[in-house]
Amino acid sequence: MWIWRRMEQVSWKDKVIDVDVLQGVNETRSILGITRYQKHSWIGHVLRHDGFLKDSTLEGKIIEKPPR
């Protein structure tokens, strides 16, 4: 949002809601698009690393912790 506010020259002190700023730059935001983007970023992060998240969430393996 900060880049659109800078394009519209809206100060952070001004009481302008995000919807008005988005209408000023002819941009739309959807919750589904944002969620989909974050989900793809998270999956990419998990796939790059070996660990519990990759084994449990993607492959369905349950790995027990080694005893102390």
N, C-alpha and C. Protein backbone atom coordinates (compact mmCIF):
# COMPACT_ATOMS: atom_id res chain seq x y z
N MET A 1 0.82 -1.20 0.00
CA MET A 1 0.00 0.00 0.00
C MET A 1 0.87 1.26 0.00
N TRP A 2 2.05 1.18 0.55
CA TRP A 2 2.85 2.40 0.67
C TRP A 2 3.24 2.94 -0.70
N ILE A 3 3.47 2.07 -1.67
CA ILE A 3 3.87 2.56 -2.98
C ILE A 3 2.71 3.28 -3.67
N TRP A 4 1.49 2.78 -3.48
CA TRP A 4 0.33 3.45 -4.06
C TRP A 4 0.06 4.77 -3.35
N ARG A 5 0.29 4.82 -2.06
CA ARG A 5 0.11 6.08 -1.34
C ARG A 5 1.13 7.11 -1.82
N ARG A 6 2.35 6.67 -2.10
CA ARG A 6 3.36 7.60 -2.61
C ARG A 6 2.99 8.09 -4.00
N MET A 7 2.43 7.20 -4.83
CA MET A 7 2.01 7.60 -6.18
C MET A 7 0.91 8.65 -6.12
N GLU A 8 0.02 8.50 -5.17
CA GLU A 8 -1.09 9.45 -5.00
C GLU A 8 -0.70 10.65 -4.14
N GLN A 9 0.51 10.65 -3.61
CA GLN A 9 1.02 11.71 -2.73
C GLN A 9 0.12 11.91 -1.52
N VAL A 10 -0.22 10.77 -0.90
CA VAL A 10 -1.03 10.79 0.32
C VAL A 10 -0.09 10.58 1.49
N SER A 11 -0.09 11.50 2.42
CA SER A 11 0.76 11.40 3.59
C SER A 11 0.21 10.35 4.55
N TRP A 12 1.09 9.79 5.35
CA TRP A 12 0.64 8.82 6.34
C TRP A 12 -0.18 9.50 7.43
N LYS A 13 -0.06 10.81 7.54
CA LYS A 13 -0.82 11.55 8.54
C LYS A 13 -2.27 11.79 8.09
N ASP A 14 -2.49 11.77 6.78
CA ASP A 14 -3.83 12.01 6.26
C ASP A 14 -4.74 10.83 6.57
N LYS A 15 -5.99 11.12 6.84
CA LYS A 15 -6.96 10.06 7.15
C LYS A 15 -7.62 9.60 5.86
N VAL A 16 -6.87 8.84 5.05
CA VAL A 16 -7.38 8.32 3.80
C VAL A 16 -7.36 6.80 3.90
N ILE A 17 -8.50 6.17 3.68
CA ILE A 17 -8.56 4.72 3.81
C ILE A 17 -7.98 4.06 2.56
N ASP A 18 -7.58 2.81 2.71
CA ASP A 18 -6.92 2.08 1.63
C ASP A 18 -7.80 1.95 0.39
N VAL A 19 -9.09 1.80 0.59
CA VAL A 19 -10.01 1.65 -0.55
C VAL A 19 -9.96 2.88 -1.45
N ASP A 20 -9.92 4.07 -0.84
CA ASP A 20 -9.86 5.30 -1.63
C ASP A 20 -8.55 5.41 -2.39
N VAL A 21 -7.46 5.01 -1.79
CA VAL A 21 -6.17 5.05 -2.46
C VAL A 21 -6.16 4.08 -3.63
N LEU A 22 -6.70 2.89 -3.44
CA LEU A 22 -6.75 1.90 -4.52
C LEU A 22 -7.63 2.36 -5.67
N GLN A 23 -8.73 3.03 -5.37
CA GLN A 23 -9.58 3.55 -6.44
C GLN A 23 -8.86 4.65 -7.21
N GLY A 24 -8.02 5.42 -6.53
CA GLY A 24 -7.28 6.49 -7.19
C GLY A 24 -6.27 5.99 -8.21
N VAL A 25 -5.72 4.81 -8.00
CA VAL A 25 -4.74 4.25 -8.93
C VAL A 25 -5.34 3.13 -9.78
N ASN A 26 -6.66 2.97 -9.75
CA ASN A 26 -7.37 1.94 -10.52
C ASN A 26 -6.80 0.54 -10.25
N GLU A 27 -6.65 0.22 -9.01
CA GLU A 27 -6.11 -1.08 -8.59
C GLU A 27 -7.14 -1.78 -7.72
N THR A 28 -7.18 -3.10 -7.82
CA THR A 28 -8.07 -3.86 -6.95
C THR A 28 -7.24 -4.85 -6.16
N ARG A 29 -7.67 -5.11 -4.97
CA ARG A 29 -7.01 -6.09 -4.11
C ARG A 29 -8.03 -7.13 -3.71
N SER A 30 -7.63 -8.38 -3.78
CA SER A 30 -8.53 -9.43 -3.35
C SER A 30 -7.84 -10.28 -2.30
N ILE A 31 -8.58 -10.69 -1.33
CA ILE A 31 -8.04 -11.51 -0.26
C ILE A 31 -7.55 -12.85 -0.80
N LEU A 32 -8.29 -13.41 -1.76
CA LEU A 32 -7.90 -14.70 -2.32
C LEU A 32 -6.57 -14.61 -3.06
N GLY A 33 -6.34 -13.55 -3.77
CA GLY A 33 -5.08 -13.38 -4.49
C GLY A 33 -3.90 -13.25 -3.54
N ILE A 34 -4.09 -12.49 -2.47
CA ILE A 34 -3.03 -12.31 -1.49
C ILE A 34 -2.75 -13.62 -0.78
N THR A 35 -3.79 -14.34 -0.40
CA THR A 35 -3.61 -15.62 0.28
C THR A 35 -2.92 -16.62 -0.63
N ARG A 36 -3.31 -16.67 -1.89
CA ARG A 36 -2.70 -17.59 -2.85
C ARG A 36 -1.20 -17.28 -3.02
N TYR A 37 -0.86 -16.00 -3.10
CA TYR A 37 0.54 -15.59 -3.24
C TYR A 37 1.36 -16.01 -2.02
N GLN A 38 0.83 -15.78 -0.82
CA GLN A 38 1.54 -16.14 0.40
C GLN A 38 1.68 -17.65 0.53
N LYS A 39 0.68 -18.39 0.10
CA LYS A 39 0.72 -19.84 0.16
C LYS A 39 1.82 -20.38 -0.76
N HIS A 40 1.92 -19.82 -1.95
CA HIS A 40 2.96 -20.25 -2.89
C HIS A 40 4.34 -19.91 -2.36
N SER A 41 4.49 -18.76 -1.73
CA SER A 41 5.78 -18.38 -1.15
C SER A 41 6.16 -19.35 -0.03
N TRP A 42 5.20 -19.71 0.80
CA TRP A 42 5.47 -20.60 1.92
C TRP A 42 5.87 -21.99 1.44
N ILE A 43 5.17 -22.51 0.43
CA ILE A 43 5.49 -23.82 -0.11
C ILE A 43 6.90 -23.82 -0.71
N GLY A 44 7.26 -22.78 -1.41
CA GLY A 44 8.61 -22.67 -1.97
C GLY A 44 9.66 -22.66 -0.88
N HIS A 45 9.38 -21.98 0.19
CA HIS A 45 10.31 -21.92 1.32
C HIS A 45 10.47 -23.30 1.96
N VAL A 46 9.37 -24.02 2.13
CA VAL A 46 9.42 -25.35 2.75
C VAL A 46 10.16 -26.33 1.85
N LEU A 47 9.93 -26.26 0.56
CA LEU A 47 10.56 -27.21 -0.36
C LEU A 47 12.07 -27.01 -0.46
N ARG A 48 12.55 -25.81 -0.22
CA ARG A 48 13.99 -25.56 -0.31
C ARG A 48 14.77 -26.16 0.85
N HIS A 49 14.12 -26.42 1.95
CA HIS A 49 14.81 -26.89 3.14
C HIS A 49 14.36 -28.30 3.52
N ASP A 50 15.26 -29.04 4.10
CA ASP A 50 14.89 -30.34 4.65
C ASP A 50 14.48 -30.12 6.10
N GLY A 51 13.44 -30.77 6.51
CA GLY A 51 13.04 -30.61 7.89
C GLY A 51 11.68 -31.19 8.16
N PHE A 52 11.21 -30.90 9.34
CA PHE A 52 9.96 -31.44 9.83
C PHE A 52 8.76 -31.03 8.98
N LEU A 53 8.70 -29.75 8.60
CA LEU A 53 7.56 -29.27 7.83
C LEU A 53 7.44 -30.00 6.50
N LYS A 54 8.55 -30.19 5.82
CA LYS A 54 8.50 -30.86 4.52
C LYS A 54 8.04 -32.30 4.67
N ASP A 55 8.58 -33.01 5.65
CA ASP A 55 8.23 -34.41 5.85
C ASP A 55 6.78 -34.58 6.31
N SER A 56 6.35 -33.75 7.23
CA SER A 56 5.03 -33.96 7.81
C SER A 56 3.90 -33.41 6.95
N THR A 57 4.04 -32.22 6.42
CA THR A 57 2.92 -31.62 5.71
C THR A 57 2.82 -32.08 4.27
N LEU A 58 3.93 -32.20 3.58
CA LEU A 58 3.86 -32.53 2.16
C LEU A 58 3.89 -34.03 1.89
N GLU A 59 4.70 -34.75 2.63
CA GLU A 59 4.85 -36.17 2.36
C GLU A 59 4.04 -37.05 3.30
N GLY A 60 3.49 -36.48 4.35
CA GLY A 60 2.63 -37.22 5.27
C GLY A 60 3.38 -38.14 6.22
N LYS A 61 4.68 -37.97 6.35
CA LYS A 61 5.45 -38.81 7.26
C LYS A 61 5.39 -38.23 8.67
N ILE A 62 5.34 -39.10 9.63
CA ILE A 62 5.41 -38.67 11.03
C ILE A 62 6.73 -39.18 11.58
N ILE A 63 7.58 -38.26 11.92
CA ILE A 63 8.90 -38.61 12.42
C ILE A 63 8.93 -38.35 13.91
N GLU A 64 9.32 -39.35 14.65
CA GLU A 64 9.42 -39.19 16.10
C GLU A 64 10.76 -38.55 16.43
N LYS A 65 10.75 -37.80 17.49
CA LYS A 65 11.98 -37.19 17.94
C LYS A 65 12.88 -38.26 18.54
N PRO A 66 14.18 -38.15 18.38
CA PRO A 66 15.07 -39.12 19.02
C PRO A 66 15.03 -38.94 20.55
N PRO A 67 15.20 -40.01 21.29
CA PRO A 67 15.18 -39.88 22.75
C PRO A 67 16.35 -39.05 23.24
N ARG A 68 16.17 -38.47 24.40
CA ARG A 68 17.24 -37.65 24.97
C ARG A 68 18.35 -38.50 25.51
